[in-house]
C-alpha atoms as a PDB file:
ATOM      1  CA  MET A   1     -53.730-249.180  18.887  1.00  0.00           C
ATOM      2  CA  ASP A   2     -50.924-247.957  20.979  1.00  0.00           C
ATOM      3  CA  GLY A   3     -49.470-246.451  17.847  1.00  0.00           C
ATOM      4  CA  ALA A   4     -52.764-244.681  17.154  1.00  0.00           C
ATOM      5  CA  LYS A   5     -52.850-243.248  20.691  1.00  0.00           C
ATOM      6  CA  ILE A   6     -49.296-242.007  20.378  1.00  0.00           C
ATOM      7  CA  LEU A   7     -50.090-240.523  17.000  1.00  0.00           C
ATOM      8  CA  ALA A   8     -53.223-238.808  18.398  1.00  0.00           C
ATOM      9  CA  LYS A   9     -51.216-237.366  21.330  1.00  0.00           C
ATOM     10  CA  GLU A  10     -48.575-236.061  18.920  1.00  0.00           C
ATOM     11  CA  LEU A  11     -51.297-234.530  16.761  1.00  0.00           C
ATOM     12  CA  VAL A  12     -52.801-232.754  19.820  1.00  0.00           C
ATOM     13  CA  HIS A  13     -49.338-231.531  20.842  1.00  0.00           C
ATOM     14  CA  ALA A  14     -48.677-230.294  17.289  1.00  0.00           C
ATOM     15  CA  ARG A  15     -51.977-228.408  17.222  1.00  0.00           C
ATOM     16  CA  LYS A  16     -51.255-226.830  20.636  1.00  0.00           C
ATOM     17  CA  GLY A  17     -47.780-225.908  19.399  1.00  0.00           C
ATOM     18  CA  LYS A  18     -49.314-224.372  16.279  1.00  0.00           C
ATOM     19  CA  GLU A  19     -51.729-222.325  18.424  1.00  0.00           C
ATOM     20  CA  ARG A  20     -48.824-221.172  20.629  1.00  0.00           C
ATOM     21  CA  LEU A  21     -46.851-220.151  17.533  1.00  0.00           C
ATOM     22  CA  LEU A  22     -49.840-218.185  16.211  1.00  0.00           C
ATOM     23  CA  MET A  23     -50.250-216.495  19.617  1.00  0.00           C
ATOM     24  CA  SER A  24     -46.553-215.645  19.681  1.00  0.00           C
ATOM     25  CA  LYS A  25     -46.788-214.271  16.140  1.00  0.00           C
ATOM     26  CA  ALA A  26     -49.793-212.117  17.146  1.00  0.00           C
ATOM     27  CA  ASN A  27     -47.907-210.845  20.239  1.00  0.00           C
ATOM     28  CA  ILE A  28     -44.852-210.000  18.124  1.00  0.00           C
ATOM     29  CA  ASN A  29     -47.029-208.119  15.584  1.00  0.00           C
ATOM     30  CA  SER A  30     -48.698-206.239  18.441  1.00  0.00           C
ATOM     31  CA  MET A  31     -45.318-205.237  19.898  1.00  0.00           C
ATOM     32  CA  GLU A  32     -44.135-204.144  16.429  1.00  0.00           C
ATOM     33  CA  MET A  33     -47.186-201.902  16.046  1.00  0.00           C
ATOM     34  CA  GLN A  34     -46.645-200.435  19.519  1.00  0.00           C
ATOM     35  CA  LEU A  35     -43.012-199.689  18.677  1.00  0.00           C
ATOM     36  CA  SER A  36     -44.061-198.047  15.400  1.00  0.00           C
ATOM     37  CA  ASN A  37     -46.611-195.971  17.287  1.00  0.00           C
ATOM     38  CA  GLN A  38     -43.985-194.878  19.835  1.00  0.00           C
ATOM     39  CA  MET A  39     -41.547-193.945  17.045  1.00  0.00           C
ATOM     40  CA  ALA A  40     -44.224-191.836  15.322  1.00  0.00           C
ATOM     41  CA  THR A  41     -45.050-190.151  18.628  1.00  0.00           C
ATOM     42  CA  MET A  42     -41.353-189.358  19.169  1.00  0.00           C
ATOM     43  CA  ARG A  43     -41.087-187.865  15.661  1.00  0.00           C
ATOM     44  CA  VAL A  44     -44.154-185.682  16.275  1.00  0.00           C
ATOM     45  CA  ALA A  45     -42.714-184.580  19.626  1.00  0.00           C
ATOM     46  CA  GLY A  46     -39.435-183.646  17.916  1.00  0.00           C
ATOM     47  CA  ALA A  47     -41.259-181.683  15.240  1.00  0.00           C
ATOM     48  CA  MET A  48     -43.320-179.873  17.891  1.00  0.00           C
ATOM     49  CA  GLU A  49     -40.144-179.039  19.812  1.00  0.00           C
ATOM     50  CA  LYS A  50     -38.517-177.583  16.686  1.00  0.00           C
ATOM     51  CA  SER A  51     -41.699-175.659  15.872  1.00  0.00           C
ATOM     52  CA  ALA A  52     -41.828-174.219  19.382  1.00  0.00           C
ATOM     53  CA  GLU A  53     -38.177-173.203  19.106  1.00  0.00           C
ATOM     54  CA  ILE A  54     -38.818-171.457  15.772  1.00  0.00           C
ATOM     55  CA  MET A  55     -41.866-169.659  17.213  1.00  0.00           C
ATOM     56  CA  LYS A  56     -39.791-168.517  20.190  1.00  0.00           C
ATOM     57  CA  THR A  57     -37.103-167.155  17.858  1.00  0.00           C
ATOM     58  CA  MET A  58     -39.689-165.357  15.708  1.00  0.00           C
ATOM     59  CA  ASN A  59     -41.294-163.773  18.761  1.00  0.00           C
ATOM     60  CA  ALA A  60     -37.876-162.548  19.875  1.00  0.00           C
ATOM     61  CA  LEU A  61     -37.251-161.006  16.448  1.00  0.00           C
ATOM     62  CA  VAL A  62     -40.608-159.250  16.075  1.00  0.00           C
ATOM     63  CA  LYS A  63     -41.026-156.269  18.361  1.00  0.00           C
ATOM     64  CA  ASP A  64     -44.720-155.411  18.632  1.00  0.00           C
ATOM     65  CA  ARG A  65     -44.139-151.872  19.825  1.00  0.00           C
ATOM     66  CA  GLU A  66     -41.700-151.105  17.034  1.00  0.00           C
ATOM     67  CA  VAL A  67     -44.086-152.466  14.401  1.00  0.00           C
ATOM     68  CA  ALA A  68     -46.968-150.429  15.866  1.00  0.00           C
ATOM     69  CA  ALA A  69     -44.840-147.260  15.902  1.00  0.00           C
ATOM     70  CA  THR A  70     -43.771-147.842  12.305  1.00  0.00           C
ATOM     71  CA  MET A  71     -47.385-148.347  11.252  1.00  0.00           C
ATOM     72  CA  ARG A  72     -48.409-145.099  12.990  1.00  0.00           C
ATOM     73  CA  GLU A  73     -45.615-143.196  11.260  1.00  0.00           C
ATOM     74  CA  LEU A  74     -46.618-144.688   7.925  1.00  0.00           C
ATOM     75  CA  ALA A  75     -50.257-143.679   8.466  1.00  0.00           C
ATOM     76  CA  GLN A  76     -49.210-140.108   9.290  1.00  0.00           C
ATOM     77  CA  GLU A  77     -47.002-139.881   6.224  1.00  0.00           C
ATOM     78  CA  MET A  78     -49.796-141.223   4.017  1.00  0.00           C
ATOM     79  CA  ALA A  79     -52.235-138.669   5.452  1.00  0.00           C
ATOM     80  CA  GLN A  80     -49.740-135.877   4.793  1.00  0.00           C
ATOM     81  CA  ALA A  81     -49.219-137.170   1.247  1.00  0.00           C
ATOM     82  CA  ASN A  82     -52.986-137.142   0.677  1.00  0.00           C
ATOM     83  CA  ILE A  83     -53.247-133.553   1.903  1.00  0.00           C
ATOM     84  CA  ILE A  84     -50.338-132.483  -0.290  1.00  0.00           C
ATOM     85  CA  ASP A  85     -51.938-134.275  -3.241  1.00  0.00           C
ATOM     86  CA  GLU A  86     -55.204-132.411  -2.648  1.00  0.00           C
ATOM     87  CA  LEU A  87     -53.363-129.096  -2.437  1.00  0.00           C
ATOM     88  CA  MET A  88     -51.487-129.834  -5.676  1.00  0.00           C
ATOM     89  CA  ASP A  89     -54.704-130.791  -7.467  1.00  0.00           C
ATOM     90  CA  GLU A  90     -56.352-127.566  -6.373  1.00  0.00           C
ATOM     91  CA  ALA A  91     -53.311-125.538  -7.423  1.00  0.00           C
ATOM     92  CA  PHE A  92     -53.328-127.106 -10.885  1.00  0.00           C
ATOM     93  CA  GLU A  93     -57.067-126.547 -11.213  1.00  0.00           C
ATOM     94  CA  ASP A  94     -56.554-122.875 -10.347  1.00  0.00           C
ATOM     95  CA  MET A  95     -53.783-122.635 -12.953  1.00  0.00           C
ATOM     96  CA  GLU A  96     -56.023-123.844 -15.813  1.00  0.00           C
ATOM     97  CA  PRO A  97     -57.201-120.944 -17.943  1.00  0.00           C
ATOM     98  CA  ASP A  98     -60.915-120.243 -18.161  1.00  0.00           C
ATOM     99  CA  GLY A  99     -62.585-121.622 -21.260  1.00  0.00           C
ATOM    100  CA  LEU A 100     -60.130-124.510 -21.663  1.00  0.00           C
ATOM    101  CA  GLU A 101     -62.980-127.025 -21.827  1.00  0.00           C
ATOM    102  CA  GLU A 102     -64.763-125.087 -24.556  1.00  0.00           C
ATOM    103  CA  GLU A 103     -61.549-124.809 -26.560  1.00  0.00           C
ATOM    104  CA  SER A 104     -60.822-128.514 -26.197  1.00  0.00           C
ATOM    105  CA  SER A 105     -64.371-129.521 -27.211  1.00  0.00           C
ATOM    106  CA  LEU A 106     -64.115-127.256 -30.303  1.00  0.00           C
ATOM    107  CA  GLU A 107     -60.779-128.864 -31.179  1.00  0.00           C
ATOM    108  CA  VAL A 108     -62.291-132.349 -30.776  1.00  0.00           C
ATOM    109  CA  GLU A 109     -65.164-131.388 -33.077  1.00  0.00           C
ATOM    110  CA  ARG A 110     -62.718-130.014 -35.662  1.00  0.00           C
ATOM    111  CA  ILE A 111     -60.624-133.213 -35.589  1.00  0.00           C
ATOM    112  CA  LEU A 112     -63.719-135.407 -35.820  1.00  0.00           C
ATOM    113  CA  ALA A 113     -64.889-133.354 -38.793  1.00  0.00           C
ATOM    114  CA  GLU A 114     -61.540-133.901 -40.508  1.00  0.00           C
ATOM    115  CA  ILE A 115     -61.516-137.641 -39.805  1.00  0.00           C
ATOM    116  CA  THR A 116     -65.121-138.431 -40.643  1.00  0.00           C
ATOM    117  CA  GLY A 117     -65.370-136.068 -43.564  1.00  0.00           C
ATOM    118  CA  ALA A 118     -67.934-133.812 -41.936  1.00  0.00           C
ATOM    119  CA  GLN A 119     -70.342-136.674 -41.206  1.00  0.00           C
ATOM    120  CA  LEU A 120     -70.253-136.045 -37.439  1.00  0.00           C
ATOM    121  CA  ALA A 121     -69.639-132.294 -37.618  1.00  0.00           C
ATOM    122  CA  GLY A 122     -73.316-131.446 -37.250  1.00  0.00           C
ATOM    123  CA  VAL A 123     -73.793-133.577 -34.136  1.00  0.00           C
ATOM    124  CA  ASP A 124     -74.182-131.490 -30.974  1.00  0.00           C
ATOM    125  CA  ALA A 125     -71.558-131.919 -28.310  1.00  0.00           C
ATOM    126  CA  THR A 126     -72.550-133.828 -25.203  1.00  0.00           C
ATOM    127  CA  PRO A 127     -73.253-131.374 -22.416  1.00  0.00           C
ATOM    128  CA  THR A 128     -70.732-131.595 -19.587  1.00  0.00           C
ATOM    129  CA  LYS A 129     -72.432-129.108 -17.260  1.00  0.00           C
ATOM    130  CA  ALA A 130     -75.998-128.443 -16.250  1.00  0.00           C
ATOM    131  CA  PRO A 131     -77.636-125.641 -18.247  1.00  0.00           C
ATOM    132  CA  SER A 132     -77.045-122.358 -16.525  1.00  0.00           C
ATOM    133  CA  VAL A 133     -79.571-119.645 -15.913  1.00  0.00           C
ATOM    134  CA  LYS A 134     -78.554-116.394 -17.576  1.00  0.00           C
ATOM    135  CA  VAL A 135     -77.970-113.631 -15.068  1.00  0.00           C
ATOM    136  CA  PRO A 136     -76.706-110.174 -15.906  1.00  0.00           C
ATOM    137  CA  ALA A 137     -72.900-110.333 -15.923  1.00  0.00           C
ATOM    138  CA  ALA A 138     -72.343-107.482 -13.488  1.00  0.00           C
ATOM    139  CA  ALA A 139     -74.710-108.925 -10.861  1.00  0.00           C
ATOM    140  CA  ALA A 140     -73.352-112.485 -11.050  1.00  0.00           C
ATOM    141  CA  ALA A 141     -69.612-111.723 -11.132  1.00  0.00           C
ATOM    142  CA  GLU A 142     -69.247-110.087  -7.719  1.00  0.00           C
ATOM    143  CA  PRO A 143     -71.120-112.606  -5.474  1.00  0.00           C
ATOM    144  CA  ALA A 144     -69.677-115.616  -7.338  1.00  0.00           C
ATOM    145  CA  ALA A 145     -66.100-114.354  -6.999  1.00  0.00           C
ATOM    146  CA  ALA A 146     -66.621-113.553  -3.321  1.00  0.00           C
ATOM    147  CA  GLU A 147     -68.158-116.970  -2.638  1.00  0.00           C
ATOM    148  CA  GLU A 148     -65.374-118.765  -4.503  1.00  0.00           C
ATOM    149  CA  GLU A 149     -62.689-116.869  -2.611  1.00  0.00           C
ATOM    150  CA  GLU A 150     -64.433-117.567   0.689  1.00  0.00           C
ATOM    151  CA  GLU A 151     -64.649-121.310  -0.100  1.00  0.00           C
ATOM    152  CA  ASP A 152     -60.957-121.386  -1.064  1.00  0.00           C
ATOM    153  CA  ASP A 153     -60.027-119.675   2.210  1.00  0.00           C
ATOM    154  CA  GLU A 154     -62.120-122.150   4.223  1.00  0.00           C
ATOM    155  CA  GLU A 155     -60.596-125.151   2.426  1.00  0.00           C
ATOM    156  CA  MET A 156     -57.067-123.810   2.906  1.00  0.00           C
ATOM    157  CA  ALA A 157     -57.691-123.221   6.633  1.00  0.00           C
ATOM    158  CA  ALA A 158     -59.112-126.747   7.018  1.00  0.00           C
ATOM    159  CA  MET A 159     -56.128-128.325   5.278  1.00  0.00           C
ATOM    160  CA  GLN A 160     -53.650-126.316   7.325  1.00  0.00           C
ATOM    161  CA  ALA A 161     -55.441-127.443  10.481  1.00  0.00           C
ATOM    162  CA  ARG A 162     -55.181-131.076   9.354  1.00  0.00           C
ATOM    163  CA  ILE A 163     -51.446-130.697   8.656  1.00  0.00           C
ATOM    164  CA  ALA A 164     -50.915-129.089  12.076  1.00  0.00           C
ATOM    165  CA  ALA A 165     -52.834-131.912  13.766  1.00  0.00           C
ATOM    166  CA  LEU A 166     -50.709-134.520  11.977  1.00  0.00           C
ATOM    167  CA  ARG A 167     -47.493-132.794  12.998  1.00  0.00           C
ATOM    168  CA  ALA A 168     -48.698-132.637  16.603  1.00  0.00           C
ATOM    169  CA  GLU A 169     -49.161-136.398  16.716  1.00  0.00           C
END
């Protein structure tokens, strides 16, 4: 029986030792996880530090006032280009001879007649303007020419005013 008691005591000691080993293993695993967490935190802090340094450098390179001034200059140049484009379009429209549309539609009809063998020659052309009311030529020519000239003068004055305003800015 003494042997059994000694054996039982040894068994209890072995079990307590096993529990202590398991507790030590759990503590070691916990410390390992804490160290891993601290390492990850240090890496994030390093990345944030580098990011802040890059942002600081970028802010030093970008001058807000210079960018704003450049954008204003670009907007003015684009506005001037638009005005010049409008003036050029009007100049080219004025240079077109009267009756060019009628001549071109007749030429299109002639070419279509050649290509289709006169199958589409009888088809009326699609109207491009609203039907006009016939007015005696002498009565209509003078007011229309005066109105057109007056409109051209007004448009020219408006565009010159816009150019002057852009140059003043």
